[in-house]
Amino acid sequence: MIVAKENHTQRMIDKMDTPEGRNIYSQRLGIIETIFGNIRTTKGLDRFSLQGQAKVNVQWKLFCIVHNIEKIKNYGQMC
């Protein structure tokens, strides 16, 4: 199993080491990472209070719903 993980890690390193990979990842930082930062720091949702994958998945979806409702509240009237 460790070999497979190292292969995935090395493949990602090789991908990120290209100009195209750096460009794609820089776009991800501006799009995705801000969402996680908002959910974690602004809303204080940085720990799961439930145990088990099914329960944690539901809790994560609720965090995302809260984030999206706030976006609709703040930016929905702009359209």
PDB file of N, CA and C in Angstrom:
ATOM      1  N   MET A   1       0.808  -1.206   0.000  1.00  0.00           N
ATOM      2  CA  MET A   1       0.000   0.000   0.000  1.00  0.00           C
ATOM      3  C   MET A   1       0.851   1.270   0.000  1.00  0.00           C
ATOM      4  N   ILE A   2       1.944   1.270   0.730  1.00  0.00           N
ATOM      5  CA  ILE A   2       2.789   2.460   0.801  1.00  0.00           C
ATOM      6  C   ILE A   2       3.353   2.795  -0.571  1.00  0.00           C
ATOM      7  N   VAL A   3       3.696   1.791  -1.346  1.00  0.00           N
ATOM      8  CA  VAL A   3       4.239   2.023  -2.685  1.00  0.00           C
ATOM      9  C   VAL A   3       3.243   2.779  -3.533  1.00  0.00           C
ATOM     10  N   ALA A   4       1.960   2.395  -3.465  1.00  0.00           N
ATOM     11  CA  ALA A   4       0.936   3.077  -4.250  1.00  0.00           C
ATOM     12  C   ALA A   4       0.824   4.538  -3.837  1.00  0.00           C
ATOM     13  N   LYS A   5       0.880   4.799  -2.529  1.00  0.00           N
ATOM     14  CA  LYS A   5       0.789   6.171  -2.047  1.00  0.00           C
ATOM     15  C   LYS A   5       1.972   6.991  -2.554  1.00  0.00           C
ATOM     16  N   GLU A   6       3.164   6.423  -2.509  1.00  0.00           N
ATOM     17  CA  GLU A   6       4.340   7.125  -3.005  1.00  0.00           C
ATOM     18  C   GLU A   6       4.210   7.402  -4.496  1.00  0.00           C
ATOM     19  N   ASN A   7       3.636   6.462  -5.235  1.00  0.00           N
ATOM     20  CA  ASN A   7       3.440   6.676  -6.659  1.00  0.00           C
ATOM     21  C   ASN A   7       2.468   7.825  -6.911  1.00  0.00           C
ATOM     22  N   HIS A   8       1.388   7.878  -6.139  1.00  0.00           N
ATOM     23  CA  HIS A   8       0.435   8.978  -6.283  1.00  0.00           C
ATOM     24  C   HIS A   8       1.096  10.307  -5.924  1.00  0.00           C
ATOM     25  N   THR A   9       1.865  10.294  -4.859  1.00  0.00           N
ATOM     26  CA  THR A   9       2.556  11.511  -4.440  1.00  0.00           C
ATOM     27  C   THR A   9       3.550  11.961  -5.500  1.00  0.00           C
ATOM     28  N   GLN A  10       4.319  11.040  -6.025  1.00  0.00           N
ATOM     29  CA  GLN A  10       5.305  11.394  -7.049  1.00  0.00           C
ATOM     30  C   GLN A  10       4.622  11.881  -8.319  1.00  0.00           C
ATOM     31  N   ARG A  11       3.508  11.263  -8.671  1.00  0.00           N
ATOM     32  CA  ARG A  11       2.779  11.714  -9.871  1.00  0.00           C
ATOM     33  C   ARG A  11       2.285  13.144  -9.685  1.00  0.00           C
ATOM     34  N   MET A  12       1.811  13.466  -8.473  1.00  0.00           N
ATOM     35  CA  MET A  12       1.336  14.828  -8.209  1.00  0.00           C
ATOM     36  C   MET A  12       2.495  15.815  -8.229  1.00  0.00           C
ATOM     37  N   ILE A  13       3.622  15.430  -7.680  1.00  0.00           N
ATOM     38  CA  ILE A  13       4.806  16.292  -7.701  1.00  0.00           C
ATOM     39  C   ILE A  13       5.229  16.549  -9.147  1.00  0.00           C
ATOM     40  N   ASP A  14       5.255  15.500  -9.950  1.00  0.00           N
ATOM     41  CA  ASP A  14       5.626  15.656 -11.359  1.00  0.00           C
ATOM     42  C   ASP A  14       4.634  16.553 -12.096  1.00  0.00           C
ATOM     43  N   LYS A  15       3.357  16.396 -11.784  1.00  0.00           N
ATOM     44  CA  LYS A  15       2.333  17.211 -12.427  1.00  0.00           C
ATOM     45  C   LYS A  15       2.480  18.679 -12.033  1.00  0.00           C
ATOM     46  N   MET A  16       2.750  18.926 -10.747  1.00  0.00           N
ATOM     47  CA  MET A  16       2.877  20.299 -10.259  1.00  0.00           C
ATOM     48  C   MET A  16       4.165  20.964 -10.722  1.00  0.00           C
ATOM     49  N   ASP A  17       5.110  20.165 -11.164  1.00  0.00           N
ATOM     50  CA  ASP A  17       6.412  20.683 -11.566  1.00  0.00           C
ATOM     51  C   ASP A  17       6.408  21.200 -13.003  1.00  0.00           C
ATOM     52  N   THR A  18       5.273  21.175 -13.677  1.00  0.00           N
ATOM     53  CA  THR A  18       5.177  21.690 -15.042  1.00  0.00           C
ATOM     54  C   THR A  18       4.545  23.082 -15.006  1.00  0.00           C
ATOM     55  N   PRO A  19       4.794  23.908 -15.994  1.00  0.00           N
ATOM     56  CA  PRO A  19       4.142  25.231 -16.034  1.00  0.00           C
ATOM     57  C   PRO A  19       2.613  25.130 -16.041  1.00  0.00           C
ATOM     58  N   GLU A  20       2.086  24.153 -16.770  1.00  0.00           N
ATOM     59  CA  GLU A  20       0.630  23.985 -16.813  1.00  0.00           C
ATOM     60  C   GLU A  20       0.086  23.592 -15.436  1.00  0.00           C
ATOM     61  N   GLY A  21       0.790  22.707 -14.745  1.00  0.00           N
ATOM     62  CA  GLY A  21       0.379  22.285 -13.408  1.00  0.00           C
ATOM     63  C   GLY A  21       0.383  23.429 -12.413  1.00  0.00           C
ATOM     64  N   ARG A  22       1.413  24.267 -12.460  1.00  0.00           N
ATOM     65  CA  ARG A  22       1.470  25.426 -11.570  1.00  0.00           C
ATOM     66  C   ARG A  22       0.330  26.389 -11.862  1.00  0.00           C
ATOM     67  N   ASN A  23       0.005  26.576 -13.132  1.00  0.00           N
ATOM     68  CA  ASN A  23      -1.087  27.472 -13.515  1.00  0.00           C
ATOM     69  C   ASN A  23      -2.424  26.950 -12.997  1.00  0.00           C
ATOM     70  N   ILE A  24      -2.670  25.661 -13.177  1.00  0.00           N
ATOM     71  CA  ILE A  24      -3.920  25.066 -12.717  1.00  0.00           C
ATOM     72  C   ILE A  24      -4.024  25.159 -11.197  1.00  0.00           C
ATOM     73  N   TYR A  25      -2.944  24.856 -10.488  1.00  0.00           N
ATOM     74  CA  TYR A  25      -2.988  24.886  -9.030  1.00  0.00           C
ATOM     75  C   TYR A  25      -3.169  26.310  -8.510  1.00  0.00           C
ATOM     76  N   SER A  26      -2.579  27.293  -9.179  1.00  0.00           N
ATOM     77  CA  SER A  26      -2.756  28.676  -8.730  1.00  0.00           C
ATOM     78  C   SER A  26      -4.204  29.106  -8.876  1.00  0.00           C
ATOM     79  N   GLN A  27      -4.905  28.606  -9.881  1.00  0.00           N
ATOM     80  CA  GLN A  27      -6.325  28.912 -10.030  1.00  0.00           C
ATOM     81  C   GLN A  27      -7.123  28.231  -8.922  1.00  0.00           C
ATOM     82  N   ARG A  28      -6.722  27.016  -8.550  1.00  0.00           N
ATOM     83  CA  ARG A  28      -7.412  26.283  -7.487  1.00  0.00           C
ATOM     84  C   ARG A  28      -7.296  27.037  -6.172  1.00  0.00           C
ATOM     85  N   LEU A  29      -6.137  27.617  -5.908  1.00  0.00           N
ATOM     86  CA  LEU A  29      -5.956  28.344  -4.663  1.00  0.00           C
ATOM     87  C   LEU A  29      -6.956  29.488  -4.542  1.00  0.00           C
ATOM     88  N   GLY A  30      -7.221  30.156  -5.646  1.00  0.00           N
ATOM     89  CA  GLY A  30      -8.150  31.277  -5.620  1.00  0.00           C
ATOM     90  C   GLY A  30      -9.601  30.867  -5.574  1.00  0.00           C
ATOM     91  N   ILE A  31      -9.908  29.661  -6.003  1.00  0.00           N
ATOM     92  CA  ILE A  31     -11.299  29.221  -6.074  1.00  0.00           C
ATOM     93  C   ILE A  31     -11.665  28.327  -4.898  1.00  0.00           C
ATOM     94  N   ILE A  32     -10.909  27.281  -4.679  1.00  0.00           N
ATOM     95  CA  ILE A  32     -11.271  26.263  -3.697  1.00  0.00           C
ATOM     96  C   ILE A  32     -10.795  26.601  -2.299  1.00  0.00           C
ATOM     97  N   GLU A  33      -9.547  27.009  -2.168  1.00  0.00           N
ATOM     98  CA  GLU A  33      -8.979  27.197  -0.832  1.00  0.00           C
ATOM     99  C   GLU A  33      -9.718  28.279  -0.050  1.00  0.00           C
ATOM    100  N   THR A  34     -10.261  29.283  -0.712  1.00  0.00           N
ATOM    101  CA  THR A  34     -10.991  30.324   0.008  1.00  0.00           C
ATOM    102  C   THR A  34     -12.262  29.776   0.643  1.00  0.00           C
ATOM    103  N   ILE A  35     -12.888  28.795  -0.011  1.00  0.00           N
ATOM    104  CA  ILE A  35     -14.096  28.183   0.543  1.00  0.00           C
ATOM    105  C   ILE A  35     -13.767  27.451   1.834  1.00  0.00           C
ATOM    106  N   PHE A  36     -12.699  26.638   1.817  1.00  0.00           N
ATOM    107  CA  PHE A  36     -12.304  25.921   3.026  1.00  0.00           C
ATOM    108  C   PHE A  36     -11.914  26.895   4.129  1.00  0.00           C
ATOM    109  N   GLY A  37     -11.216  27.957   3.768  1.00  0.00           N
ATOM    110  CA  GLY A  37     -10.823  28.960   4.751  1.00  0.00           C
ATOM    111  C   GLY A  37     -12.031  29.636   5.373  1.00  0.00           C
ATOM    112  N   ASN A  38     -13.015  29.959   4.550  1.00  0.00           N
ATOM    113  CA  ASN A  38     -14.231  30.596   5.049  1.00  0.00           C
ATOM    114  C   ASN A  38     -14.981  29.665   5.989  1.00  0.00           C
ATOM    115  N   ILE A  39     -15.145  28.424   5.583  1.00  0.00           N
ATOM    116  CA  ILE A  39     -15.869  27.464   6.416  1.00  0.00           C
ATOM    117  C   ILE A  39     -15.129  27.237   7.736  1.00  0.00           C
ATOM    118  N   ARG A  40     -13.830  27.159   7.662  1.00  0.00           N
ATOM    119  CA  ARG A  40     -13.054  26.817   8.853  1.00  0.00           C
ATOM    120  C   ARG A  40     -12.881  27.999   9.805  1.00  0.00           C
ATOM    121  N   THR A  41     -12.455  29.137   9.309  1.00  0.00           N
ATOM    122  CA  THR A  41     -12.113  30.237  10.217  1.00  0.00           C
ATOM    123  C   THR A  41     -13.280  31.180  10.475  1.00  0.00           C
ATOM    124  N   THR A  42     -13.948  31.640   9.441  1.00  0.00           N
ATOM    125  CA  THR A  42     -15.017  32.609   9.620  1.00  0.00           C
ATOM    126  C   THR A  42     -16.204  32.005  10.352  1.00  0.00           C
ATOM    127  N   LYS A  43     -16.568  30.809   9.969  1.00  0.00           N
ATOM    128  CA  LYS A  43     -17.735  30.172  10.576  1.00  0.00           C
ATOM    129  C   LYS A  43     -17.367  29.304  11.780  1.00  0.00           C
ATOM    130  N   GLY A  44     -16.083  29.052  11.980  1.00  0.00           N
ATOM    131  CA  GLY A  44     -15.639  28.260  13.127  1.00  0.00           C
ATOM    132  C   GLY A  44     -15.963  26.778  13.018  1.00  0.00           C
ATOM    133  N   LEU A  45     -16.197  26.314  11.809  1.00  0.00           N
ATOM    134  CA  LEU A  45     -16.538  24.906  11.597  1.00  0.00           C
ATOM    135  C   LEU A  45     -15.271  24.135  11.260  1.00  0.00           C
ATOM    136  N   ASP A  46     -14.394  24.013  12.231  1.00  0.00           N
ATOM    137  CA  ASP A  46     -13.098  23.405  11.955  1.00  0.00           C
ATOM    138  C   ASP A  46     -12.940  22.005  12.547  1.00  0.00           C
ATOM    139  N   ARG A  47     -13.991  21.490  13.166  1.00  0.00           N
ATOM    140  CA  ARG A  47     -13.930  20.135  13.722  1.00  0.00           C
ATOM    141  C   ARG A  47     -15.269  19.447  13.463  1.00  0.00           C
ATOM    142  N   PHE A  48     -15.187  18.174  13.189  1.00  0.00           N
ATOM    143  CA  PHE A  48     -16.397  17.383  13.075  1.00  0.00           C
ATOM    144  C   PHE A  48     -16.760  16.884  14.467  1.00  0.00           C
ATOM    145  N   SER A  49     -18.011  17.029  14.839  1.00  0.00           N
ATOM    146  CA  SER A  49     -18.438  16.600  16.173  1.00  0.00           C
ATOM    147  C   SER A  49     -19.039  15.199  16.154  1.00  0.00           C
ATOM    148  N   LEU A  50     -19.186  14.630  14.976  1.00  0.00           N
ATOM    149  CA  LEU A  50     -19.751  13.293  14.856  1.00  0.00           C
ATOM    150  C   LEU A  50     -18.662  12.300  14.479  1.00  0.00           C
ATOM    151  N   GLN A  51     -18.961  11.018  14.674  1.00  0.00           N
ATOM    152  CA  GLN A  51     -18.001   9.968  14.320  1.00  0.00           C
ATOM    153  C   GLN A  51     -18.618   9.045  13.285  1.00  0.00           C
ATOM    154  N   GLY A  52     -17.783   8.497  12.450  1.00  0.00           N
ATOM    155  CA  GLY A  52     -18.227   7.594  11.399  1.00  0.00           C
ATOM    156  C   GLY A  52     -18.321   8.338  10.085  1.00  0.00           C
ATOM    157  N   GLN A  53     -17.936   7.686   9.021  1.00  0.00           N
ATOM    158  CA  GLN A  53     -17.857   8.350   7.726  1.00  0.00           C
ATOM    159  C   GLN A  53     -19.215   8.870   7.258  1.00  0.00           C
ATOM    160  N   ALA A  54     -20.262   8.098   7.446  1.00  0.00           N
ATOM    161  CA  ALA A  54     -21.586   8.536   6.985  1.00  0.00           C
ATOM    162  C   ALA A  54     -22.022   9.806   7.718  1.00  0.00           C
ATOM    163  N   LYS A  55     -21.816   9.851   9.030  1.00  0.00           N
ATOM    164  CA  LYS A  55     -22.216  11.024   9.809  1.00  0.00           C
ATOM    165  C   LYS A  55     -21.353  12.233   9.476  1.00  0.00           C
ATOM    166  N   VAL A  56     -20.064  12.013   9.308  1.00  0.00           N
ATOM    167  CA  VAL A  56     -19.166  13.116   8.955  1.00  0.00           C
ATOM    168  C   VAL A  56     -19.518  13.658   7.570  1.00  0.00           C
ATOM    169  N   ASN A  57     -19.865  12.783   6.628  1.00  0.00           N
ATOM    170  CA  ASN A  57     -20.281  13.242   5.300  1.00  0.00           C
ATOM    171  C   ASN A  57     -21.512  14.135   5.387  1.00  0.00           C
ATOM    172  N   VAL A  58     -22.479  13.752   6.208  1.00  0.00           N
ATOM    173  CA  VAL A  58     -23.675  14.577   6.387  1.00  0.00           C
ATOM    174  C   VAL A  58     -23.303  15.912   7.012  1.00  0.00           C
ATOM    175  N   GLN A  59     -22.445  15.882   8.022  1.00  0.00           N
ATOM    176  CA  GLN A  59     -22.039  17.126   8.679  1.00  0.00           C
ATOM    177  C   GLN A  59     -21.294  18.035   7.704  1.00  0.00           C
ATOM    178  N   TRP A  60     -20.422  17.485   6.869  1.00  0.00           N
ATOM    179  CA  TRP A  60     -19.703  18.282   5.890  1.00  0.00           C
ATOM    180  C   TRP A  60     -20.674  18.917   4.895  1.00  0.00           C
ATOM    181  N   LYS A  61     -21.670  18.155   4.457  1.00  0.00           N
ATOM    182  CA  LYS A  61     -22.667  18.703   3.531  1.00  0.00           C
ATOM    183  C   LYS A  61     -23.446  19.841   4.177  1.00  0.00           C
ATOM    184  N   LEU A  62     -23.727  19.722   5.465  1.00  0.00           N
ATOM    185  CA  LEU A  62     -24.386  20.817   6.166  1.00  0.00           C
ATOM    186  C   LEU A  62     -23.499  22.058   6.227  1.00  0.00           C
ATOM    187  N   PHE A  63     -22.194  21.880   6.462  1.00  0.00           N
ATOM    188  CA  PHE A  63     -21.261  23.006   6.441  1.00  0.00           C
ATOM    189  C   PHE A  63     -21.316  23.695   5.077  1.00  0.00           C
ATOM    190  N   CYS A  64     -21.331  22.900   4.019  1.00  0.00           N
ATOM    191  CA  CYS A  64     -21.360  23.454   2.662  1.00  0.00           C
ATOM    192  C   CYS A  64     -22.674  24.171   2.390  1.00  0.00           C
ATOM    193  N   ILE A  65     -23.777  23.638   2.905  1.00  0.00           N
ATOM    194  CA  ILE A  65     -25.074  24.311   2.743  1.00  0.00           C
ATOM    195  C   ILE A  65     -25.050  25.670   3.424  1.00  0.00           C
ATOM    196  N   VAL A  66     -24.495  25.724   4.637  1.00  0.00           N
ATOM    197  CA  VAL A  66     -24.379  26.998   5.354  1.00  0.00           C
ATOM    198  C   VAL A  66     -23.572  27.993   4.516  1.00  0.00           C
ATOM    199  N   HIS A  67     -22.456  27.535   3.961  1.00  0.00           N
ATOM    200  CA  HIS A  67     -21.614  28.404   3.134  1.00  0.00           C
ATOM    201  C   HIS A  67     -22.396  28.918   1.928  1.00  0.00           C
ATOM    202  N   ASN A  68     -23.113  28.034   1.244  1.00  0.00           N
ATOM    203  CA  ASN A  68     -23.838  28.429   0.041  1.00  0.00           C
ATOM    204  C   ASN A  68     -25.024  29.338   0.347  1.00  0.00           C
ATOM    205  N   ILE A  69     -25.708  29.103   1.454  1.00  0.00           N
ATOM    206  CA  ILE A  69     -26.809  29.990   1.835  1.00  0.00           C
ATOM    207  C   ILE A  69     -26.276  31.388   2.124  1.00  0.00           C
ATOM    208  N   GLU A  70     -25.130  31.465   2.783  1.00  0.00           N
ATOM    209  CA  GLU A  70     -24.538  32.776   3.044  1.00  0.00           C
ATOM    210  C   GLU A  70     -24.159  33.477   1.738  1.00  0.00           C
ATOM    211  N   LYS A  71     -23.639  32.719   0.766  1.00  0.00           N
ATOM    212  CA  LYS A  71     -23.307  33.319  -0.534  1.00  0.00           C
ATOM    213  C   LYS A  71     -24.558  33.850  -1.216  1.00  0.00           C
ATOM    214  N   ILE A  72     -25.646  33.093  -1.167  1.00  0.00           N
ATOM    215  CA  ILE A  72     -26.894  33.542  -1.771  1.00  0.00           C
ATOM    216  C   ILE A  72     -27.392  34.806  -1.069  1.00  0.00           C
ATOM    217  N   LYS A  73     -27.300  34.826   0.250  1.00  0.00           N
ATOM    218  CA  LYS A  73     -27.729  35.995   1.022  1.00  0.00           C
ATOM    219  C   LYS A  73     -26.915  37.233   0.649  1.00  0.00           C
ATOM    220  N   ASN A  74     -25.603  37.047   0.534  1.00  0.00           N
ATOM    221  CA  ASN A  74     -24.725  38.193   0.274  1.00  0.00           C
ATOM    222  C   ASN A  74     -24.682  38.622  -1.185  1.00  0.00           C
ATOM    223  N   TYR A  75     -24.734  37.671  -2.093  1.00  0.00           N
ATOM    224  CA  TYR A  75     -24.496  37.979  -3.504  1.00  0.00           C
ATOM    225  C   TYR A  75     -25.677  37.666  -4.408  1.00  0.00           C
ATOM    226  N   GLY A  76     -26.712  37.049  -3.884  1.00  0.00           N
ATOM    227  CA  GLY A  76     -27.846  36.629  -4.703  1.00  0.00           C
ATOM    228  C   GLY A  76     -28.605  37.775  -5.325  1.00  0.00           C
ATOM    229  N   GLN A  77     -28.650  38.903  -4.668  1.00  0.00           N
ATOM    230  CA  GLN A  77     -29.385  40.036  -5.195  1.00  0.00           C
ATOM    231  C   GLN A  77     -28.622  40.803  -6.258  1.00  0.00           C
ATOM    232  N   MET A  78     -27.350  40.466  -6.460  1.00  0.00           N
ATOM    233  CA  MET A  78     -26.534  41.161  -7.465  1.00  0.00           C
ATOM    234  C   MET A  78     -26.908  40.747  -8.873  1.00  0.00           C
ATOM    235  N   CYS A  79     -27.505  39.570  -9.042  1.00  0.00           N
ATOM    236  CA  CYS A  79     -27.815  39.056 -10.367  1.00  0.00           C
ATOM    237  C   CYS A  79     -29.056  39.670 -10.937  1.00  0.00           C
TER     238      CYS A  79
END
